[in-house]
Structure formats: C-alpha cells, structure tokens
N, C-alpha and C. Protein backbone atom coordinates (compact mmCIF):
# COMPACT_ATOMS: atom_id res chain seq x y z
N MET A 1 -32.36 -8.32 -6.33
CA MET A 1 -32.51 -9.40 -6.80
C MET A 1 -31.35 -10.67 -5.31
N GLU A 2 -32.26 -11.79 -4.64
CA GLU A 2 -31.19 -11.69 -3.50
C GLU A 2 -30.31 -13.24 -3.70
N ARG A 3 -28.75 -12.93 -3.58
CA ARG A 3 -28.11 -13.69 -4.04
C ARG A 3 -27.76 -15.11 -3.27
N LYS A 4 -28.36 -16.32 -4.46
CA LYS A 4 -28.41 -18.33 -3.80
C LYS A 4 -27.12 -18.26 -3.16
N ILE A 5 -27.53 -19.09 -2.46
CA ILE A 5 -26.29 -19.80 -1.11
C ILE A 5 -25.82 -20.53 -2.11
N ARG A 6 -24.77 -20.40 -2.27
CA ARG A 6 -23.56 -21.05 -2.63
C ARG A 6 -23.17 -22.38 -1.41
N VAL A 7 -23.38 -23.48 -2.58
CA VAL A 7 -22.98 -25.50 -1.35
C VAL A 7 -22.24 -25.37 -2.58
N LEU A 8 -20.54 -26.54 -1.45
CA LEU A 8 -19.92 -26.89 -2.32
C LEU A 8 -20.38 -28.88 -1.46
N VAL A 9 -20.52 -29.58 -2.03
CA VAL A 9 -21.00 -30.75 -2.17
C VAL A 9 -19.50 -31.38 -2.18
N ALA A 10 -19.16 -31.86 -1.39
CA ALA A 10 -17.65 -32.81 -1.45
C ALA A 10 -17.84 -34.72 -1.06
N LYS A 11 -17.51 -35.86 -1.48
CA LYS A 11 -16.53 -36.55 -0.83
C LYS A 11 -15.98 -37.02 -0.91
N PRO A 12 -15.00 -36.49 0.60
CA PRO A 12 -13.54 -36.80 0.95
C PRO A 12 -13.35 -38.09 1.28
N GLY A 13 -12.16 -38.67 0.89
CA GLY A 13 -11.42 -40.14 0.73
C GLY A 13 -11.54 -40.75 0.21
N LEU A 14 -11.72 -41.87 0.42
CA LEU A 14 -11.54 -43.10 -0.81
C LEU A 14 -13.14 -44.05 -1.08
N ASP A 15 -14.50 -43.42 -0.66
CA ASP A 15 -15.01 -43.46 -0.93
C ASP A 15 -15.96 -43.78 -2.00
N GLY A 16 -16.13 -44.99 -2.68
CA GLY A 16 -16.76 -45.17 -3.83
C GLY A 16 -17.90 -44.57 -4.39
N HIS A 17 -19.11 -44.41 -3.52
CA HIS A 17 -20.50 -44.66 -3.63
C HIS A 17 -21.20 -43.06 -3.29
N ASP A 18 -21.83 -42.31 -4.45
CA ASP A 18 -22.33 -41.07 -4.04
C ASP A 18 -23.04 -41.17 -3.92
N ARG A 19 -24.29 -41.87 -3.99
CA ARG A 19 -25.92 -41.69 -4.11
C ARG A 19 -26.19 -40.79 -3.27
N GLY A 20 -25.79 -40.68 -1.79
CA GLY A 20 -26.36 -40.00 -0.68
C GLY A 20 -26.45 -38.77 -1.08
N ALA A 21 -24.35 -37.94 -1.43
CA ALA A 21 -24.19 -37.21 -1.90
C ALA A 21 -25.23 -36.02 -2.69
N LYS A 22 -25.30 -37.31 -3.70
CA LYS A 22 -26.47 -36.75 -5.49
C LYS A 22 -27.25 -36.37 -4.53
N VAL A 23 -28.27 -37.34 -3.55
CA VAL A 23 -29.20 -37.17 -3.01
C VAL A 23 -29.59 -35.78 -2.83
N ILE A 24 -28.70 -35.65 -1.61
CA ILE A 24 -28.46 -34.26 -1.07
C ILE A 24 -27.66 -33.04 -1.96
N ALA A 25 -27.35 -32.92 -3.19
CA ALA A 25 -27.21 -32.34 -4.05
C ALA A 25 -28.27 -31.33 -4.44
N ARG A 26 -29.27 -32.82 -5.29
CA ARG A 26 -30.39 -31.96 -6.17
C ARG A 26 -31.18 -31.44 -5.36
N SER A 27 -31.42 -32.31 -3.95
CA SER A 27 -32.32 -31.48 -3.07
C SER A 27 -32.01 -29.70 -2.07
N LEU A 28 -31.14 -29.89 -2.22
CA LEU A 28 -30.22 -28.38 -1.94
C LEU A 28 -30.60 -27.46 -3.58
N ARG A 29 -30.18 -27.87 -4.38
CA ARG A 29 -30.85 -27.05 -5.78
C ARG A 29 -32.16 -27.72 -6.06
N ASP A 30 -32.94 -28.20 -5.76
CA ASP A 30 -34.45 -28.25 -5.49
C ASP A 30 -35.38 -26.95 -4.42
N ALA A 31 -34.07 -26.60 -3.45
CA ALA A 31 -34.70 -25.82 -3.09
C ALA A 31 -33.67 -24.53 -2.98
N GLY A 32 -33.07 -23.89 -3.99
CA GLY A 32 -32.80 -22.67 -4.88
C GLY A 32 -31.71 -22.43 -4.37
N MET A 33 -31.06 -23.57 -3.74
CA MET A 33 -29.09 -23.23 -4.41
C MET A 33 -28.80 -23.31 -4.66
N GLU A 34 -27.08 -23.20 -5.36
CA GLU A 34 -26.63 -23.19 -6.55
C GLU A 34 -24.75 -24.28 -5.00
N VAL A 35 -25.74 -25.55 -6.68
CA VAL A 35 -24.55 -26.44 -5.51
C VAL A 35 -23.44 -26.98 -6.36
N ILE A 36 -22.28 -27.28 -5.91
CA ILE A 36 -21.33 -27.48 -6.98
C ILE A 36 -20.79 -28.89 -6.74
N TYR A 37 -20.55 -29.50 -6.99
CA TYR A 37 -20.86 -31.25 -6.68
C TYR A 37 -19.17 -31.55 -7.29
N THR A 38 -18.35 -31.92 -6.25
CA THR A 38 -17.10 -32.13 -6.70
C THR A 38 -17.08 -33.76 -7.24
N GLY A 39 -17.29 -34.32 -6.98
CA GLY A 39 -17.07 -35.82 -6.93
C GLY A 39 -16.78 -36.51 -5.91
N LEU A 40 -16.58 -37.83 -6.73
CA LEU A 40 -16.14 -39.02 -5.80
C LEU A 40 -14.42 -38.58 -4.84
N ARG A 41 -13.91 -38.65 -3.80
CA ARG A 41 -12.50 -39.01 -3.80
C ARG A 41 -12.14 -37.98 -4.25
N GLN A 42 -12.38 -37.14 -3.72
CA GLN A 42 -11.75 -35.75 -3.28
C GLN A 42 -10.59 -35.62 -1.47
N THR A 43 -9.36 -34.43 -1.74
CA THR A 43 -8.92 -34.89 -0.49
C THR A 43 -9.20 -33.91 0.04
N PRO A 44 -8.76 -33.97 1.49
CA PRO A 44 -9.12 -31.86 2.24
C PRO A 44 -8.61 -31.05 1.45
N GLU A 45 -7.75 -31.34 1.25
CA GLU A 45 -7.21 -29.91 -0.60
C GLU A 45 -7.50 -29.07 -1.01
N GLN A 46 -8.14 -30.55 -2.02
CA GLN A 46 -8.77 -30.42 -3.06
C GLN A 46 -10.64 -29.74 -3.00
N ILE A 47 -11.30 -29.87 -1.34
CA ILE A 47 -12.16 -29.75 -1.48
C ILE A 47 -12.14 -28.34 -0.66
N VAL A 48 -10.41 -27.59 0.06
CA VAL A 48 -10.54 -26.36 0.34
C VAL A 48 -10.60 -25.69 -0.74
N SER A 49 -9.65 -25.69 -1.44
CA SER A 49 -9.10 -25.44 -2.91
C SER A 49 -10.27 -24.89 -3.82
N ALA A 50 -11.17 -25.64 -3.94
CA ALA A 50 -12.70 -25.88 -4.84
C ALA A 50 -13.36 -24.46 -3.78
N SER A 51 -13.50 -24.97 -2.60
CA SER A 51 -14.17 -24.27 -2.24
C SER A 51 -14.08 -22.16 -2.07
N VAL A 52 -12.61 -22.23 -1.82
CA VAL A 52 -12.68 -21.11 -1.78
C VAL A 52 -12.11 -20.38 -3.12
N GLN A 53 -12.00 -21.44 -4.42
CA GLN A 53 -11.78 -20.91 -5.87
C GLN A 53 -13.71 -20.49 -5.74
N GLU A 54 -14.34 -21.41 -5.84
CA GLU A 54 -15.86 -21.16 -5.76
C GLU A 54 -16.61 -20.21 -5.04
N ASP A 55 -16.08 -19.71 -4.59
CA ASP A 55 -16.65 -18.47 -2.91
C ASP A 55 -17.71 -19.52 -1.94
N VAL A 56 -17.57 -20.62 -1.74
CA VAL A 56 -19.02 -21.00 -1.59
C VAL A 56 -19.34 -20.33 -0.26
N ASP A 57 -20.23 -20.65 0.13
CA ASP A 57 -21.30 -20.60 1.72
C ASP A 57 -21.32 -21.39 2.62
N VAL A 58 -20.94 -22.82 2.24
CA VAL A 58 -21.60 -23.16 2.92
C VAL A 58 -20.30 -24.71 2.20
N ILE A 59 -20.13 -25.56 2.93
CA ILE A 59 -19.60 -26.88 2.48
C ILE A 59 -19.80 -28.28 2.73
N ALA A 60 -20.47 -28.80 1.76
CA ALA A 60 -21.74 -30.23 3.19
C ALA A 60 -20.54 -31.98 2.52
N MET A 61 -19.81 -32.18 3.25
CA MET A 61 -19.53 -33.23 3.19
C MET A 61 -19.76 -34.52 3.54
N SER A 62 -19.90 -35.60 2.08
CA SER A 62 -20.49 -36.58 2.62
C SER A 62 -19.35 -38.29 3.15
N ILE A 63 -19.37 -38.66 3.85
CA ILE A 63 -18.70 -39.42 4.20
C ILE A 63 -19.24 -41.30 4.82
N LEU A 64 -18.77 -42.64 4.25
CA LEU A 64 -19.24 -44.03 4.29
C LEU A 64 -17.91 -44.68 4.85
N SER A 65 -16.77 -44.00 4.49
CA SER A 65 -15.48 -44.53 4.66
C SER A 65 -15.16 -44.87 6.65
N GLY A 66 -15.57 -44.18 7.29
CA GLY A 66 -15.26 -44.64 8.97
C GLY A 66 -13.83 -43.46 8.65
N ALA A 67 -13.12 -42.57 7.82
CA ALA A 67 -12.03 -41.94 8.06
C ALA A 67 -13.13 -40.32 7.79
N HIS A 68 -14.66 -40.42 9.20
CA HIS A 68 -14.69 -38.49 9.20
C HIS A 68 -13.70 -37.62 10.41
N ASN A 69 -13.03 -38.77 10.65
CA ASN A 69 -12.57 -38.77 12.19
C ASN A 69 -11.05 -37.92 11.95
N HIS A 70 -10.57 -38.30 11.18
CA HIS A 70 -9.25 -37.58 10.48
C HIS A 70 -10.29 -36.31 9.15
N LEU A 71 -10.56 -37.47 8.14
CA LEU A 71 -10.64 -36.04 7.64
C LEU A 71 -11.70 -35.07 7.37
N PHE A 72 -12.86 -34.39 8.22
CA PHE A 72 -13.79 -33.99 8.59
C PHE A 72 -12.70 -32.67 9.46
N PRO A 73 -12.40 -32.53 10.42
CA PRO A 73 -10.82 -32.24 11.22
C PRO A 73 -9.77 -31.24 9.80
N ARG A 74 -9.75 -32.55 9.18
CA ARG A 74 -8.54 -31.97 8.22
C ARG A 74 -8.87 -30.35 7.06
N VAL A 75 -10.25 -31.20 6.91
CA VAL A 75 -11.07 -29.62 6.09
C VAL A 75 -10.61 -28.35 6.79
N MET A 76 -10.85 -28.65 8.43
CA MET A 76 -11.59 -27.12 9.04
C MET A 76 -10.12 -26.82 8.90
N GLU A 77 -9.04 -27.59 9.62
CA GLU A 77 -7.62 -26.90 9.42
C GLU A 77 -7.38 -26.53 8.22
N LEU A 78 -7.19 -26.81 7.67
CA LEU A 78 -7.29 -26.16 5.87
C LEU A 78 -7.93 -24.67 5.58
N LEU A 79 -9.22 -24.96 6.14
CA LEU A 79 -9.46 -23.74 6.17
C LEU A 79 -9.58 -22.49 7.10
N LYS A 80 -8.72 -22.61 8.39
CA LYS A 80 -8.06 -21.80 9.33
C LYS A 80 -7.34 -21.33 9.22
N ASP A 81 -6.06 -22.50 8.64
CA ASP A 81 -4.91 -21.91 7.59
C ASP A 81 -5.06 -20.44 6.18
N LYS A 82 -5.96 -21.06 5.84
CA LYS A 82 -5.82 -20.00 4.61
C LYS A 82 -7.39 -19.09 5.10
N GLY A 83 -7.13 -18.71 6.03
CA GLY A 83 -8.47 -17.56 6.60
C GLY A 83 -9.64 -18.06 6.23
N VAL A 84 -10.10 -18.48 6.05
CA VAL A 84 -11.48 -18.94 5.69
C VAL A 84 -11.98 -18.90 6.93
N ASP A 85 -13.08 -18.34 7.64
CA ASP A 85 -14.13 -18.41 8.70
C ASP A 85 -15.27 -18.25 8.39
N ASP A 86 -15.56 -17.95 7.53
CA ASP A 86 -17.42 -17.04 7.13
C ASP A 86 -18.14 -18.62 5.99
N VAL A 87 -17.57 -19.27 6.61
CA VAL A 87 -17.69 -20.61 5.28
C VAL A 87 -18.68 -21.57 6.61
N LEU A 88 -19.74 -21.59 6.49
CA LEU A 88 -20.41 -23.33 7.24
C LEU A 88 -19.86 -24.18 6.76
N VAL A 89 -19.27 -25.15 7.27
CA VAL A 89 -19.30 -26.42 7.16
C VAL A 89 -20.31 -27.86 7.75
N VAL A 90 -21.14 -27.97 7.77
CA VAL A 90 -21.75 -29.57 7.67
C VAL A 90 -20.80 -31.19 7.03
N GLY A 91 -21.70 -32.25 7.97
CA GLY A 91 -20.91 -33.13 7.30
C GLY A 91 -22.18 -34.43 7.54
N GLY A 92 -21.70 -35.00 7.28
CA GLY A 92 -22.78 -36.15 6.91
C GLY A 92 -22.46 -38.06 6.27
N GLY A 93 -23.94 -38.76 6.59
CA GLY A 93 -23.21 -39.76 6.53
C GLY A 93 -22.97 -40.69 7.03
N VAL A 94 -21.89 -42.13 6.71
CA VAL A 94 -22.48 -43.21 8.67
C VAL A 94 -21.16 -42.62 9.11
N ILE A 95 -21.93 -41.78 9.76
CA ILE A 95 -21.10 -41.70 11.15
C ILE A 95 -21.46 -42.29 12.39
N PRO A 96 -20.96 -43.11 13.92
CA PRO A 96 -21.47 -43.35 14.77
C PRO A 96 -21.84 -42.04 15.64
N ASP A 97 -22.87 -42.04 16.72
CA ASP A 97 -22.94 -41.38 17.58
C ASP A 97 -22.19 -40.93 17.79
N GLU A 98 -21.15 -41.62 19.24
CA GLU A 98 -20.41 -41.48 19.74
C GLU A 98 -19.20 -40.16 18.44
N ASP A 99 -19.21 -40.29 17.68
CA ASP A 99 -17.80 -39.34 17.07
C ASP A 99 -18.93 -38.24 16.55
N ILE A 100 -19.86 -37.83 17.39
CA ILE A 100 -20.20 -36.56 16.71
C ILE A 100 -19.86 -35.19 17.25
N PRO A 101 -19.76 -35.42 18.97
CA PRO A 101 -19.27 -34.18 19.40
C PRO A 101 -18.10 -34.13 18.96
N GLY A 102 -16.94 -34.95 19.11
CA GLY A 102 -15.74 -34.77 18.30
C GLY A 102 -15.15 -33.71 17.08
N LEU A 103 -16.81 -34.80 15.91
CA LEU A 103 -16.63 -33.54 14.84
C LEU A 103 -17.19 -31.97 15.14
N LYS A 104 -17.75 -31.13 16.27
CA LYS A 104 -18.65 -30.77 16.57
C LYS A 104 -17.55 -30.28 16.54
N ALA A 105 -16.37 -30.22 17.67
CA ALA A 105 -15.53 -29.42 18.50
C ALA A 105 -14.67 -29.25 17.72
N ALA A 106 -14.51 -29.59 17.16
CA ALA A 106 -13.54 -29.44 15.49
C ALA A 106 -14.25 -27.53 14.34
N GLY A 107 -14.79 -28.16 14.61
CA GLY A 107 -15.67 -26.95 14.05
C GLY A 107 -17.01 -27.36 12.89
N ILE A 108 -17.45 -28.94 12.97
CA ILE A 108 -18.66 -29.12 12.15
C ILE A 108 -19.47 -29.44 12.54
N ALA A 109 -20.48 -27.99 11.87
CA ALA A 109 -22.08 -26.87 12.56
C ALA A 109 -22.23 -28.03 12.86
N ALA A 110 -22.53 -29.01 11.48
CA ALA A 110 -23.64 -30.35 11.99
C ALA A 110 -23.33 -31.49 11.27
N VAL A 111 -23.85 -32.89 11.66
CA VAL A 111 -23.46 -33.92 11.19
C VAL A 111 -25.07 -34.66 11.20
N PHE A 112 -25.29 -34.95 9.72
CA PHE A 112 -26.92 -35.69 9.48
C PHE A 112 -26.08 -37.05 8.83
N THR A 113 -27.31 -38.00 9.99
CA THR A 113 -26.46 -39.00 9.84
C THR A 113 -28.00 -39.69 8.86
N PRO A 114 -27.47 -40.96 8.82
CA PRO A 114 -28.76 -41.76 7.28
C PRO A 114 -30.19 -41.45 8.03
N GLY A 115 -31.02 -41.51 7.60
CA GLY A 115 -32.75 -41.20 7.61
C GLY A 115 -32.29 -39.74 7.85
N SER A 116 -31.83 -38.55 7.62
CA SER A 116 -32.49 -37.26 7.99
C SER A 116 -33.34 -37.32 6.94
N ALA A 117 -33.52 -35.73 7.29
CA ALA A 117 -34.85 -35.79 6.63
C ALA A 117 -33.95 -34.02 5.50
N THR A 118 -33.97 -34.26 4.28
CA THR A 118 -33.81 -33.43 3.70
C THR A 118 -34.09 -32.08 3.97
N THR A 119 -35.29 -31.34 4.42
CA THR A 119 -35.85 -30.78 4.37
C THR A 119 -35.29 -29.59 5.94
N ASP A 120 -34.59 -30.41 7.06
CA ASP A 120 -33.46 -30.33 8.32
C ASP A 120 -32.44 -30.27 7.65
N ILE A 121 -32.04 -31.08 6.87
CA ILE A 121 -30.50 -30.54 5.67
C ILE A 121 -30.71 -28.76 5.32
N ILE A 122 -32.23 -28.34 4.85
CA ILE A 122 -31.69 -27.38 3.69
C ILE A 122 -32.29 -26.78 5.12
N GLU A 123 -33.27 -26.24 5.72
CA GLU A 123 -33.43 -25.73 7.15
C GLU A 123 -32.46 -25.17 7.67
N PHE A 124 -31.59 -26.39 8.08
CA PHE A 124 -30.32 -25.88 8.86
C PHE A 124 -28.89 -24.96 8.43
N ILE A 125 -29.24 -25.64 7.01
CA ILE A 125 -27.92 -24.38 6.20
C ILE A 125 -28.43 -23.14 5.66
N LYS A 126 -30.37 -22.15 6.01
CA LYS A 126 -30.02 -22.02 5.64
C LYS A 126 -30.70 -20.00 7.51
N ASN A 127 -30.50 -20.63 8.45
CA ASN A 127 -30.80 -20.86 9.68
C ASN A 127 -28.84 -20.46 10.41
N ASN A 128 -28.08 -21.25 9.61
CA ASN A 128 -27.03 -20.80 10.40
C ASN A 128 -25.99 -20.53 9.19
N LEU A 129 -26.25 -19.85 7.97
CA LEU A 129 -25.04 -19.45 6.87
C LEU A 129 -24.63 -18.53 8.20
N LYS A 130 -22.89 -18.35 7.71
CA LYS A 130 -21.79 -17.63 8.63
C LYS A 130 -21.96 -16.22 7.78
N ARG A 131 -22.03 -16.47 6.39
CA ARG A 131 -22.28 -15.13 5.24
C ARG A 131 -23.31 -14.78 5.67
N ARG A 132 -23.81 -13.41 5.86
CA ARG A 132 -25.51 -12.67 5.38
C ARG A 132 -24.93 -11.25 4.53
N GLU A 133 -25.43 -11.47 3.10
CA GLU A 133 -25.16 -10.72 2.56
C GLU A 133 -26.82 -10.37 2.09
C-alpha cells in the first residue's frame, strides 16, 4: 500500500479567518492526502515544530494579513536551521503578484492566490514532492 502524502495546513500570523484554509484542507483530504490542520494564529516556530513532529511531506500556509513577506520566509529559515530540506512548502491567500517572486526566492515552491483551482493545488503537490517513498 502506498503511503499517503502528509500535509500540514497552517495559518501563520494573526489572521482570524480560516475558511479558505479549511476548503483547501478538505480538498487535499478528498484527494487522498492525510491532512493535519493546525488552526489559527500559528507562529513560524509552531508551524515548523508541528511539521517535524508530524513528519509531513508538505507545508501549506494560508495568509490574509499581509505579513507573508515576513512569515513565509521565516518558516523557510527555521526549516533550514533544523536541517529540513525535503518538505515542499506552498503558500496561498491574499498575496499581491509583485510579492510572489520574493517568496519563491525564499523557497516557497508555489503561491496560490484567490481563485486558484483546488485541482491545480493538488496536482502541484503531487508533481513536486521532494520525498519520493
């Protein structure tokens, strides 16, 4: 039996809205992935700690607050500090197009903005996993 893709869905920062993250979590689950949802107001440290504890293949972060240029790179920095280099990290939410190149340069593999099809997110994850077991 093939191992399910394990995805940590996280809401970094002070966002109080998680409807979009829950839609993504359900879509990933319905696509056969194992989803761990951390809930609202997670710090980068909490996200990285949970991803290591849960041995996830993917971290999917959703943000609306505008703090993506600080929080997403901070998660990447903490993963690097822990020697974690085999986890795919994606982001989404209300993120201006002009901020996306900087986030990708920081190591975020893809950024999905409002209106992105859940099927596109699922396919991206399946096609870009760093762990191939």
